[in-house]
């Protein structure tokens, strides 16, 4: 029974693994831009939360480990903004 519980706990930990991705965003000029970028990120499957900072031109995105940062940038680019994955 102990082995089963440990295995289940390990599966939950792996399934719930998140990543924090930092993005550099170009072209945001106003709060409406922030809303558009945040909405675009929210449409990416697996994105759980996004904080977008107008003044700094960046975003911090919490997402499932399965989500590729490039997919997040693609969504932002489709909304009309520049995007690069920050190191």
C-alpha atoms as a PDB file:
ATOM      1  CA  UNK A   1       0.000   0.000   0.000  1.00  0.00           C
ATOM      2  CA  UNK A   2       2.855   2.369   0.840  1.00  0.00           C
ATOM      3  CA  UNK A   3       4.392   1.832  -2.612  1.00  0.00           C
ATOM      4  CA  UNK A   4       1.102   2.636  -4.300  1.00  0.00           C
ATOM      5  CA  UNK A   5       0.718   5.873  -2.356  1.00  0.00           C
ATOM      6  CA  UNK A   6       4.290   6.917  -3.120  1.00  0.00           C
ATOM      7  CA  UNK A   7       3.771   6.143  -6.800  1.00  0.00           C
ATOM      8  CA  UNK A   8       0.574   8.190  -6.866  1.00  0.00           C
ATOM      9  CA  UNK A   9       2.295  11.095  -5.113  1.00  0.00           C
ATOM     10  CA  UNK A  10       5.112  10.984  -7.676  1.00  0.00           C
ATOM     11  CA  UNK A  11       2.616  10.991 -10.558  1.00  0.00           C
ATOM     12  CA  UNK A  12       0.761  13.976  -9.106  1.00  0.00           C
ATOM     13  CA  UNK A  13       4.042  15.858  -8.679  1.00  0.00           C
ATOM     14  CA  UNK A  14       5.052  15.171 -12.284  1.00  0.00           C
ATOM     15  CA  UNK A  15       1.608  15.959 -13.684  1.00  0.00           C
ATOM     16  CA  UNK A  16       1.474  19.200 -11.730  1.00  0.00           C
ATOM     17  CA  UNK A  17       4.930  20.388 -12.748  1.00  0.00           C
ATOM     18  CA  UNK A  18       4.925  23.989 -13.912  1.00  0.00           C
ATOM     19  CA  UNK A  19       7.456  26.220 -15.547  1.00  0.00           C
ATOM     20  CA  UNK A  20       7.948  29.960 -15.283  1.00  0.00           C
ATOM     21  CA  UNK A  21       8.753  31.499 -18.653  1.00  0.00           C
ATOM     22  CA  UNK A  22      10.012  35.051 -19.016  1.00  0.00           C
ATOM     23  CA  UNK A  23       9.247  36.826 -22.275  1.00  0.00           C
ATOM     24  CA  UNK A  24      10.487  40.124 -23.714  1.00  0.00           C
ATOM     25  CA  UNK A  25       7.651  41.882 -25.531  1.00  0.00           C
ATOM     26  CA  UNK A  26       8.010  44.734 -27.992  1.00  0.00           C
ATOM     27  CA  UNK A  27       5.358  47.150 -29.192  1.00  0.00           C
ATOM     28  CA  UNK A  28       3.148  47.499 -26.120  1.00  0.00           C
ATOM     29  CA  UNK A  29       2.109  51.136 -25.728  1.00  0.00           C
ATOM     30  CA  UNK A  30      -0.871  51.168 -23.361  1.00  0.00           C
ATOM     31  CA  UNK A  31      -2.973  49.135 -20.932  1.00  0.00           C
ATOM     32  CA  UNK A  32      -5.060  47.815 -23.832  1.00  0.00           C
ATOM     33  CA  UNK A  33      -1.883  46.248 -25.249  1.00  0.00           C
ATOM     34  CA  UNK A  34      -1.274  44.551 -21.917  1.00  0.00           C
ATOM     35  CA  UNK A  35      -4.812  43.169 -22.005  1.00  0.00           C
ATOM     36  CA  UNK A  36      -4.323  41.904 -25.576  1.00  0.00           C
ATOM     37  CA  UNK A  37      -1.029  40.196 -24.722  1.00  0.00           C
ATOM     38  CA  UNK A  38      -2.456  38.639 -21.573  1.00  0.00           C
ATOM     39  CA  UNK A  39      -5.485  37.407 -23.512  1.00  0.00           C
ATOM     40  CA  UNK A  40      -3.294  35.928 -26.237  1.00  0.00           C
ATOM     41  CA  UNK A  41      -1.235  34.071 -23.653  1.00  0.00           C
ATOM     42  CA  UNK A  42      -4.402  32.852 -21.942  1.00  0.00           C
ATOM     43  CA  UNK A  43      -5.517  31.277 -25.219  1.00  0.00           C
ATOM     44  CA  UNK A  44      -2.432  29.021 -25.310  1.00  0.00           C
ATOM     45  CA  UNK A  45      -3.392  25.586 -24.012  1.00  0.00           C
ATOM     46  CA  UNK A  46      -1.515  24.846 -20.798  1.00  0.00           C
ATOM     47  CA  UNK A  47      -0.899  28.457 -19.776  1.00  0.00           C
ATOM     48  CA  UNK A  48      -2.126  28.874 -16.208  1.00  0.00           C
ATOM     49  CA  UNK A  49      -1.330  32.508 -15.449  1.00  0.00           C
ATOM     50  CA  UNK A  50       0.447  35.453 -17.016  1.00  0.00           C
ATOM     51  CA  UNK A  51       1.665  38.720 -15.571  1.00  0.00           C
ATOM     52  CA  UNK A  52       2.373  41.355 -18.216  1.00  0.00           C
ATOM     53  CA  UNK A  53       4.383  44.472 -17.395  1.00  0.00           C
ATOM     54  CA  UNK A  54       3.881  47.449 -19.717  1.00  0.00           C
ATOM     55  CA  UNK A  55       6.694  49.625 -18.355  1.00  0.00           C
ATOM     56  CA  UNK A  56       9.280  46.824 -18.569  1.00  0.00           C
ATOM     57  CA  UNK A  57       7.988  45.313 -21.812  1.00  0.00           C
ATOM     58  CA  UNK A  58       7.954  41.821 -20.397  1.00  0.00           C
ATOM     59  CA  UNK A  59       5.762  38.975 -19.246  1.00  0.00           C
ATOM     60  CA  UNK A  60       6.144  36.171 -16.753  1.00  0.00           C
ATOM     61  CA  UNK A  61       4.078  33.138 -17.657  1.00  0.00           C
ATOM     62  CA  UNK A  62       3.238  30.143 -15.498  1.00  0.00           C
ATOM     63  CA  UNK A  63       2.453  27.133 -17.651  1.00  0.00           C
ATOM     64  CA  UNK A  64       2.547  23.362 -17.783  1.00  0.00           C
ATOM     65  CA  UNK A  65       5.981  21.951 -18.561  1.00  0.00           C
ATOM     66  CA  UNK A  66       4.565  20.644 -21.836  1.00  0.00           C
ATOM     67  CA  UNK A  67       4.017  24.171 -23.213  1.00  0.00           C
ATOM     68  CA  UNK A  68       6.860  25.414 -25.378  1.00  0.00           C
ATOM     69  CA  UNK A  69       7.895  29.029 -24.823  1.00  0.00           C
ATOM     70  CA  UNK A  70       7.945  29.481 -28.601  1.00  0.00           C
ATOM     71  CA  UNK A  71       4.194  28.731 -28.685  1.00  0.00           C
ATOM     72  CA  UNK A  72       3.644  31.579 -26.238  1.00  0.00           C
ATOM     73  CA  UNK A  73       5.689  33.944 -28.409  1.00  0.00           C
ATOM     74  CA  UNK A  74       3.812  32.810 -31.515  1.00  0.00           C
ATOM     75  CA  UNK A  75       0.507  33.757 -29.868  1.00  0.00           C
ATOM     76  CA  UNK A  76       1.875  37.185 -28.951  1.00  0.00           C
ATOM     77  CA  UNK A  77       3.247  37.724 -32.469  1.00  0.00           C
ATOM     78  CA  UNK A  78      -0.135  36.815 -33.958  1.00  0.00           C
ATOM     79  CA  UNK A  79      -1.609  39.580 -31.800  1.00  0.00           C
ATOM     80  CA  UNK A  80       0.781  42.040 -33.467  1.00  0.00           C
ATOM     81  CA  UNK A  81       3.604  42.372 -30.945  1.00  0.00           C
ATOM     82  CA  UNK A  82       7.237  41.353 -30.971  1.00  0.00           C
ATOM     83  CA  UNK A  83       8.315  38.581 -28.635  1.00  0.00           C
ATOM     84  CA  UNK A  84      11.495  36.806 -27.562  1.00  0.00           C
ATOM     85  CA  UNK A  85      12.098  34.275 -24.823  1.00  0.00           C
ATOM     86  CA  UNK A  86      14.194  36.009 -22.162  1.00  0.00           C
ATOM     87  CA  UNK A  87      17.217  34.215 -20.763  1.00  0.00           C
END
